[in-house]
Amino acid sequence: GEHELSREFAVARDTVRRALRVLQDERLIA
């Protein structure tokens, strides 16, 4: 989840959301 990833990378959840959006735009995740 976003919370777990934001903790792992020590960034805000919005930063994680942007990263996940990139992968979603690449159709790597849904």
PDB file of all heavy atoms in Angstrom:
ATOM      1  N   GLY A   1       0.812  -1.219   0.000  1.00  0.00           N
ATOM      2  CA  GLY A   1       0.000   0.000   0.000  1.00  0.00           C
ATOM      3  C   GLY A   1       0.844   1.267   0.000  1.00  0.00           C
ATOM      4  O   GLY A   1       2.049   1.241   0.242  1.00  0.00           O
ATOM      5  N   GLU A   2       0.188   2.380  -0.262  1.00  0.00           N
ATOM      6  CA  GLU A   2       0.861   3.682  -0.310  1.00  0.00           C
ATOM      7  C   GLU A   2       1.583   4.000   0.989  1.00  0.00           C
ATOM      8  O   GLU A   2       2.707   4.495   0.972  1.00  0.00           O
ATOM      9  CB  GLU A   2      -0.152   4.788  -0.594  1.00  0.00           C
ATOM     10  CG  GLU A   2      -0.734   4.758  -1.970  1.00  0.00           C
ATOM     11  CD  GLU A   2      -1.825   5.798  -2.150  1.00  0.00           C
ATOM     12  OE1 GLU A   2      -2.080   6.597  -1.216  1.00  0.00           O
ATOM     13  OE2 GLU A   2      -2.438   5.806  -3.233  1.00  0.00           O
ATOM     14  N   HIS A   3       0.917   3.717   2.102  1.00  0.00           N
ATOM     15  CA  HIS A   3       1.510   4.036   3.399  1.00  0.00           C
ATOM     16  C   HIS A   3       2.815   3.268   3.600  1.00  0.00           C
ATOM     17  O   HIS A   3       3.827   3.838   4.011  1.00  0.00           O
ATOM     18  CB  HIS A   3       0.514   3.732   4.526  1.00  0.00           C
ATOM     19  CG  HIS A   3       1.018   4.092   5.877  1.00  0.00           C
ATOM     20  ND1 HIS A   3       1.181   5.397   6.274  1.00  0.00           N
ATOM     21  CD2 HIS A   3       1.436   3.320   6.911  1.00  0.00           C
ATOM     22  CE1 HIS A   3       1.667   5.418   7.505  1.00  0.00           C
ATOM     23  NE2 HIS A   3       1.826   4.168   7.914  1.00  0.00           N
ATOM     24  N   GLU A   4       2.782   1.976   3.311  1.00  0.00           N
ATOM     25  CA  GLU A   4       3.985   1.143   3.461  1.00  0.00           C
ATOM     26  C   GLU A   4       5.112   1.616   2.546  1.00  0.00           C
ATOM     27  O   GLU A   4       6.268   1.714   2.955  1.00  0.00           O
ATOM     28  CB  GLU A   4       3.644  -0.314   3.169  1.00  0.00           C
ATOM     29  CG  GLU A   4       4.783  -1.273   3.418  1.00  0.00           C
ATOM     30  CD  GLU A   4       4.387  -2.718   3.163  1.00  0.00           C
ATOM     31  OE1 GLU A   4       3.184  -3.051   3.212  1.00  0.00           O
ATOM     32  OE2 GLU A   4       5.300  -3.511   2.883  1.00  0.00           O
ATOM     33  N   LEU A   5       4.771   1.933   1.300  1.00  0.00           N
ATOM     34  CA  LEU A   5       5.794   2.395   0.356  1.00  0.00           C
ATOM     35  C   LEU A   5       6.343   3.766   0.747  1.00  0.00           C
ATOM     36  O   LEU A   5       7.551   4.016   0.631  1.00  0.00           O
ATOM     37  CB  LEU A   5       5.229   2.433  -1.067  1.00  0.00           C
ATOM     38  CG  LEU A   5       4.936   1.069  -1.694  1.00  0.00           C
ATOM     39  CD1 LEU A   5       4.170   1.232  -3.010  1.00  0.00           C
ATOM     40  CD2 LEU A   5       6.217   0.284  -1.915  1.00  0.00           C
ATOM     41  N   SER A   6       5.484   4.647   1.236  1.00  0.00           N
ATOM     42  CA  SER A   6       5.966   5.969   1.646  1.00  0.00           C
ATOM     43  C   SER A   6       6.908   5.857   2.836  1.00  0.00           C
ATOM     44  O   SER A   6       7.893   6.590   2.936  1.00  0.00           O
ATOM     45  CB  SER A   6       4.806   6.923   1.953  1.00  0.00           C
ATOM     46  OG  SER A   6       4.085   6.511   3.083  1.00  0.00           O
ATOM     47  N   ARG A   7       6.637   4.901   3.715  1.00  0.00           N
ATOM     48  CA  ARG A   7       7.549   4.656   4.842  1.00  0.00           C
ATOM     49  C   ARG A   7       8.878   4.093   4.337  1.00  0.00           C
ATOM     50  O   ARG A   7       9.944   4.519   4.768  1.00  0.00           O
ATOM     51  CB  ARG A   7       6.913   3.672   5.815  1.00  0.00           C
ATOM     52  CG  ARG A   7       6.956   4.127   7.240  1.00  0.00           C
ATOM     53  CD  ARG A   7       6.410   3.113   8.174  1.00  0.00           C
ATOM     54  NE  ARG A   7       5.771   2.017   7.442  1.00  0.00           N
ATOM     55  CZ  ARG A   7       4.796   1.274   7.885  1.00  0.00           C
ATOM     56  NH1 ARG A   7       4.335   1.481   9.077  1.00  0.00           N
ATOM     57  NH2 ARG A   7       4.258   0.303   7.174  1.00  0.00           N
ATOM     58  N   GLU A   8       8.804   3.112   3.435  1.00  0.00           N
ATOM     59  CA  GLU A   8      10.024   2.483   2.916  1.00  0.00           C
ATOM     60  C   GLU A   8      10.937   3.492   2.225  1.00  0.00           C
ATOM     61  O   GLU A   8      12.144   3.486   2.437  1.00  0.00           O
ATOM     62  CB  GLU A   8       9.667   1.375   1.918  1.00  0.00           C
ATOM     63  CG  GLU A   8      10.893   0.763   1.268  1.00  0.00           C
ATOM     64  CD  GLU A   8      10.587  -0.256   0.191  1.00  0.00           C
ATOM     65  OE1 GLU A   8       9.428  -0.715   0.093  1.00  0.00           O
ATOM     66  OE2 GLU A   8      11.514  -0.591  -0.560  1.00  0.00           O
ATOM     67  N   PHE A   9      10.358   4.361   1.391  1.00  0.00           N
ATOM     68  CA  PHE A   9      11.162   5.299   0.624  1.00  0.00           C
ATOM     69  C   PHE A   9      11.349   6.637   1.333  1.00  0.00           C
ATOM     70  O   PHE A   9      12.036   7.518   0.813  1.00  0.00           O
ATOM     71  CB  PHE A   9      10.529   5.524  -0.750  1.00  0.00           C
ATOM     72  CG  PHE A   9      10.604   4.310  -1.632  1.00  0.00           C
ATOM     73  CD1 PHE A   9       9.482   3.526  -1.840  1.00  0.00           C
ATOM     74  CD2 PHE A   9      11.789   3.941  -2.242  1.00  0.00           C
ATOM     75  CE1 PHE A   9       9.536   2.404  -2.655  1.00  0.00           C
ATOM     76  CE2 PHE A   9      11.860   2.818  -3.056  1.00  0.00           C
ATOM     77  CZ  PHE A   9      10.733   2.043  -3.257  1.00  0.00           C
ATOM     78  N   ALA A  10      10.741   6.784   2.494  1.00  0.00           N
ATOM     79  CA  ALA A  10      10.849   8.008   3.299  1.00  0.00           C
ATOM     80  C   ALA A  10      10.424   9.243   2.507  1.00  0.00           C
ATOM     81  O   ALA A  10      11.127  10.245   2.447  1.00  0.00           O
ATOM     82  CB  ALA A  10      12.263   8.167   3.855  1.00  0.00           C
ATOM     83  N   VAL A  11       9.255   9.130   1.868  1.00  0.00           N
ATOM     84  CA  VAL A  11       8.682  10.237   1.107  1.00  0.00           C
ATOM     85  C   VAL A  11       7.207  10.366   1.453  1.00  0.00           C
ATOM     86  O   VAL A  11       6.620   9.485   2.066  1.00  0.00           O
ATOM     87  CB  VAL A  11       8.840  10.021  -0.426  1.00  0.00           C
ATOM     88  CG1 VAL A  11      10.302   9.998  -0.832  1.00  0.00           C
ATOM     89  CG2 VAL A  11       8.132   8.756  -0.886  1.00  0.00           C
ATOM     90  N   ALA A  12       6.613  11.444   1.011  1.00  0.00           N
ATOM     91  CA  ALA A  12       5.183  11.664   1.235  1.00  0.00           C
ATOM     92  C   ALA A  12       4.357  10.703   0.372  1.00  0.00           C
ATOM     93  O   ALA A  12       4.818  10.249  -0.681  1.00  0.00           O
ATOM     94  CB  ALA A  12       4.822  13.110   0.878  1.00  0.00           C
ATOM     95  N   ARG A  13       3.151  10.418   0.818  1.00  0.00           N
ATOM     96  CA  ARG A  13       2.283   9.502   0.067  1.00  0.00           C
ATOM     97  C   ARG A  13       1.992  10.025  -1.329  1.00  0.00           C
ATOM     98  O   ARG A  13       1.846   9.253  -2.268  1.00  0.00           O
ATOM     99  CB  ARG A  13       0.981   9.254   0.825  1.00  0.00           C
ATOM    100  CG  ARG A  13       1.194   8.280   1.984  1.00  0.00           C
ATOM    101  CD  ARG A  13      -0.038   8.059   2.793  1.00  0.00           C
ATOM    102  NE  ARG A  13      -1.092   7.411   2.014  1.00  0.00           N
ATOM    103  CZ  ARG A  13      -2.299   7.167   2.494  1.00  0.00           C
ATOM    104  NH1 ARG A  13      -2.608   7.507   3.722  1.00  0.00           N
ATOM    105  NH2 ARG A  13      -3.207   6.576   1.747  1.00  0.00           N
ATOM    106  N   ASP A  14       1.924  11.345  -1.482  1.00  0.00           N
ATOM    107  CA  ASP A  14       1.673  11.916  -2.799  1.00  0.00           C
ATOM    108  C   ASP A  14       2.810  11.565  -3.766  1.00  0.00           C
ATOM    109  O   ASP A  14       2.566  11.317  -4.950  1.00  0.00           O
ATOM    110  CB  ASP A  14       1.503  13.433  -2.721  1.00  0.00           C
ATOM    111  CG  ASP A  14       1.029  14.016  -4.041  1.00  0.00           C
ATOM    112  OD1 ASP A  14      -0.001  13.534  -4.559  1.00  0.00           O
ATOM    113  OD2 ASP A  14       1.711  14.919  -4.556  1.00  0.00           O
ATOM    114  N   THR A  15       4.038  11.519  -3.276  1.00  0.00           N
ATOM    115  CA  THR A  15       5.176  11.140  -4.114  1.00  0.00           C
ATOM    116  C   THR A  15       5.040   9.684  -4.546  1.00  0.00           C
ATOM    117  O   THR A  15       5.279   9.341  -5.717  1.00  0.00           O
ATOM    118  CB  THR A  15       6.502  11.351  -3.352  1.00  0.00           C
ATOM    119  OG1 THR A  15       6.575  12.721  -2.936  1.00  0.00           O
ATOM    120  CG2 THR A  15       7.706  11.010  -4.207  1.00  0.00           C
ATOM    121  N   VAL A  16       4.616   8.832  -3.626  1.00  0.00           N
ATOM    122  CA  VAL A  16       4.390   7.424  -3.956  1.00  0.00           C
ATOM    123  C   VAL A  16       3.258   7.308  -4.969  1.00  0.00           C
ATOM    124  O   VAL A  16       3.350   6.545  -5.934  1.00  0.00           O
ATOM    125  CB  VAL A  16       4.081   6.594  -2.688  1.00  0.00           C
ATOM    126  CG1 VAL A  16       3.586   5.201  -3.032  1.00  0.00           C
ATOM    127  CG2 VAL A  16       5.314   6.518  -1.800  1.00  0.00           C
ATOM    128  N   ARG A  17       2.197   8.084  -4.785  1.00  0.00           N
ATOM    129  CA  ARG A  17       1.070   8.055  -5.731  1.00  0.00           C
ATOM    130  C   ARG A  17       1.527   8.423  -7.146  1.00  0.00           C
ATOM    131  O   ARG A  17       1.105   7.809  -8.121  1.00  0.00           O
ATOM    132  CB  ARG A  17      -0.024   9.037  -5.306  1.00  0.00           C
ATOM    133  CG  ARG A  17      -0.940   8.496  -4.261  1.00  0.00           C
ATOM    134  CD  ARG A  17      -2.136   9.420  -4.043  1.00  0.00           C
ATOM    135  NE  ARG A  17      -2.672   9.151  -2.735  1.00  0.00           N
ATOM    136  CZ  ARG A  17      -2.542   9.951  -1.682  1.00  0.00           C
ATOM    137  NH1 ARG A  17      -1.937  11.112  -1.795  1.00  0.00           N
ATOM    138  NH2 ARG A  17      -3.036   9.621  -0.523  1.00  0.00           N
ATOM    139  N   ARG A  18       2.407   9.431  -7.238  1.00  0.00           N
ATOM    140  CA  ARG A  18       2.918   9.836  -8.559  1.00  0.00           C
ATOM    141  C   ARG A  18       3.709   8.695  -9.189  1.00  0.00           C
ATOM    142  O   ARG A  18       3.584   8.438 -10.386  1.00  0.00           O
ATOM    143  CB  ARG A  18       3.804  11.075  -8.436  1.00  0.00           C
ATOM    144  CG  ARG A  18       3.028  12.336  -8.183  1.00  0.00           C
ATOM    145  CD  ARG A  18       3.914  13.544  -8.120  1.00  0.00           C
ATOM    146  NE  ARG A  18       4.407  13.888  -9.458  1.00  0.00           N
ATOM    147  CZ  ARG A  18       5.295  14.832  -9.674  1.00  0.00           C
ATOM    148  NH1 ARG A  18       5.797  15.534  -8.661  1.00  0.00           N
ATOM    149  NH2 ARG A  18       5.700  15.096 -10.899  1.00  0.00           N
ATOM    150  N   ALA A  19       4.517   8.007  -8.399  1.00  0.00           N
ATOM    151  CA  ALA A  19       5.301   6.873  -8.916  1.00  0.00           C
ATOM    152  C   ALA A  19       4.375   5.760  -9.391  1.00  0.00           C
ATOM    153  O   ALA A  19       4.569   5.188 -10.466  1.00  0.00           O
ATOM    154  CB  ALA A  19       6.248   6.359  -7.840  1.00  0.00           C
ATOM    155  N   LEU A  20       3.369   5.472  -8.588  1.00  0.00           N
ATOM    156  CA  LEU A  20       2.416   4.421  -8.951  1.00  0.00           C
ATOM    157  C   LEU A  20       1.619   4.814 -10.197  1.00  0.00           C
ATOM    158  O   LEU A  20       1.298   3.961 -11.027  1.00  0.00           O
ATOM    159  CB  LEU A  20       1.490   4.119  -7.776  1.00  0.00           C
ATOM    160  CG  LEU A  20       2.182   3.481  -6.569  1.00  0.00           C
ATOM    161  CD1 LEU A  20       1.249   3.474  -5.353  1.00  0.00           C
ATOM    162  CD2 LEU A  20       2.663   2.077  -6.892  1.00  0.00           C
ATOM    163  N   ARG A  21       1.350   6.094 -10.336  1.00  0.00           N
ATOM    164  CA  ARG A  21       0.620   6.577 -11.519  1.00  0.00           C
ATOM    165  C   ARG A  21       1.452   6.345 -12.789  1.00  0.00           C
ATOM    166  O   ARG A  21       0.911   6.000 -13.839  1.00  0.00           O
ATOM    167  CB  ARG A  21       0.273   8.061 -11.357  1.00  0.00           C
ATOM    168  CG  ARG A  21      -0.523   8.612 -12.492  1.00  0.00           C
ATOM    169  CD  ARG A  21      -1.867   7.963 -12.537  1.00  0.00           C
ATOM    170  NE  ARG A  21      -2.516   8.308 -13.798  1.00  0.00           N
ATOM    171  CZ  ARG A  21      -3.723   7.960 -14.115  1.00  0.00           C
ATOM    172  NH1 ARG A  21      -4.444   7.260 -13.269  1.00  0.00           N
ATOM    173  NH2 ARG A  21      -4.229   8.293 -15.251  1.00  0.00           N
ATOM    174  N   VAL A  22       2.770   6.524 -12.681  1.00  0.00           N
ATOM    175  CA  VAL A  22       3.654   6.265 -13.824  1.00  0.00           C
ATOM    176  C   VAL A  22       3.515   4.805 -14.251  1.00  0.00           C
ATOM    177  O   VAL A  22       3.357   4.503 -15.433  1.00  0.00           O
ATOM    178  CB  VAL A  22       5.130   6.587 -13.472  1.00  0.00           C
ATOM    179  CG1 VAL A  22       6.088   6.050 -14.526  1.00  0.00           C
ATOM    180  CG2 VAL A  22       5.320   8.086 -13.299  1.00  0.00           C
ATOM    181  N   LEU A  23       3.565   3.897 -13.275  1.00  0.00           N
ATOM    182  CA  LEU A  23       3.454   2.467 -13.586  1.00  0.00           C
ATOM    183  C   LEU A  23       2.069   2.123 -14.136  1.00  0.00           C
ATOM    184  O   LEU A  23       1.939   1.265 -15.006  1.00  0.00           O
ATOM    185  CB  LEU A  23       3.763   1.630 -12.348  1.00  0.00           C
ATOM    186  CG  LEU A  23       5.166   1.810 -11.755  1.00  0.00           C
ATOM    187  CD1 LEU A  23       5.349   0.907 -10.548  1.00  0.00           C
ATOM    188  CD2 LEU A  23       6.240   1.562 -12.779  1.00  0.00           C
ATOM    189  N   GLN A  24       1.060   2.811 -13.626  1.00  0.00           N
ATOM    190  CA  GLN A  24      -0.299   2.589 -14.127  1.00  0.00           C
ATOM    191  C   GLN A  24      -0.414   3.094 -15.559  1.00  0.00           C
ATOM    192  O   GLN A  24      -0.999   2.424 -16.413  1.00  0.00           O
ATOM    193  CB  GLN A  24      -1.299   3.311 -13.224  1.00  0.00           C
ATOM    194  CG  GLN A  24      -2.738   3.016 -13.539  1.00  0.00           C
ATOM    195  CD  GLN A  24      -3.684   3.694 -12.556  1.00  0.00           C
ATOM    196  OE1 GLN A  24      -3.273   4.148 -11.481  1.00  0.00           O
ATOM    197  NE2 GLN A  24      -4.940   3.798 -12.928  1.00  0.00           N
ATOM    198  N   ASP A  25       0.184   4.249 -15.868  1.00  0.00           N
ATOM    199  CA  ASP A  25       0.161   4.790 -17.229  1.00  0.00           C
ATOM    200  C   ASP A  25       0.905   3.874 -18.195  1.00  0.00           C
ATOM    201  O   ASP A  25       0.556   3.805 -19.381  1.00  0.00           O
ATOM    202  CB  ASP A  25       0.773   6.189 -17.276  1.00  0.00           C
ATOM    203  CG  ASP A  25      -0.096   7.229 -16.594  1.00  0.00           C
ATOM    204  OD1 ASP A  25      -1.285   6.932 -16.312  1.00  0.00           O
ATOM    205  OD2 ASP A  25       0.415   8.328 -16.310  1.00  0.00           O
ATOM    206  N   GLU A  26       1.916   3.180 -17.697  1.00  0.00           N
ATOM    207  CA  GLU A  26       2.671   2.227 -18.517  1.00  0.00           C
ATOM    208  C   GLU A  26       1.952   0.887 -18.631  1.00  0.00           C
ATOM    209  O   GLU A  26       2.440  -0.032 -19.271  1.00  0.00           O
ATOM    210  CB  GLU A  26       4.061   1.995 -17.910  1.00  0.00           C
ATOM    211  CG  GLU A  26       4.955   3.198 -17.956  1.00  0.00           C
ATOM    212  CD  GLU A  26       6.263   2.991 -17.196  1.00  0.00           C
ATOM    213  OE1 GLU A  26       6.480   1.917 -16.596  1.00  0.00           O
ATOM    214  OE2 GLU A  26       7.090   3.918 -17.227  1.00  0.00           O
ATOM    215  N   ARG A  27       0.802   0.785 -17.967  1.00  0.00           N
ATOM    216  CA  ARG A  27      -0.004  -0.445 -17.928  1.00  0.00           C
ATOM    217  C   ARG A  27       0.755  -1.610 -17.294  1.00  0.00           C
ATOM    218  O   ARG A  27       0.522  -2.767 -17.625  1.00  0.00           O
ATOM    219  CB  ARG A  27      -0.500  -0.816 -19.319  1.00  0.00           C
ATOM    220  CG  ARG A  27      -1.457   0.200 -19.871  1.00  0.00           C
ATOM    221  CD  ARG A  27      -2.114  -0.281 -21.130  1.00  0.00           C
ATOM    222  NE  ARG A  27      -3.133   0.659 -21.533  1.00  0.00           N
ATOM    223  CZ  ARG A  27      -3.082   1.350 -22.661  1.00  0.00           C
ATOM    224  NH1 ARG A  27      -2.088   1.188 -23.480  1.00  0.00           N
ATOM    225  NH2 ARG A  27      -4.052   2.177 -22.962  1.00  0.00           N
ATOM    226  N   LEU A  28       1.652  -1.269 -16.382  1.00  0.00           N
ATOM    227  CA  LEU A  28       2.396  -2.283 -15.652  1.00  0.00           C
ATOM    228  C   LEU A  28       1.589  -2.742 -14.435  1.00  0.00           C
ATOM    229  O   LEU A  28       1.683  -3.893 -14.025  1.00  0.00           O
ATOM    230  CB  LEU A  28       3.746  -1.710 -15.218  1.00  0.00           C
ATOM    231  CG  LEU A  28       4.787  -2.666 -14.710  1.00  0.00           C
ATOM    232  CD1 LEU A  28       5.129  -3.712 -15.754  1.00  0.00           C
ATOM    233  CD2 LEU A  28       6.044  -1.912 -14.320  1.00  0.00           C
ATOM    234  N   ILE A  29       0.796  -1.818 -13.880  1.00  0.00           N
ATOM    235  CA  ILE A  29      -0.081  -2.152 -12.751  1.00  0.00           C
ATOM    236  C   ILE A  29      -1.484  -1.648 -13.045  1.00  0.00           C
ATOM    237  O   ILE A  29      -1.669  -0.788 -13.905  1.00  0.00           O
ATOM    238  CB  ILE A  29       0.433  -1.547 -11.418  1.00  0.00           C
ATOM    239  CG1 ILE A  29       0.404  -0.009 -11.458  1.00  0.00           C
ATOM    240  CG2 ILE A  29       1.819  -2.067 -11.085  1.00  0.00           C
ATOM    241  CD1 ILE A  29       0.674   0.648 -10.115  1.00  0.00           C
ATOM    242  N   ALA A  30      -2.450  -2.204 -12.315  1.00  0.00           N
ATOM    243  CA  ALA A  30      -3.843  -1.768 -12.448  1.00  0.00           C
ATOM    244  C   ALA A  30      -4.424  -1.577 -11.052  1.00  0.00           C
ATOM    245  O   ALA A  30      -4.050  -2.279 -10.112  1.00  0.00           O
ATOM    246  CB  ALA A  30      -4.658  -2.805 -13.210  1.00  0.00           C
TER     247      ALA A  30
END
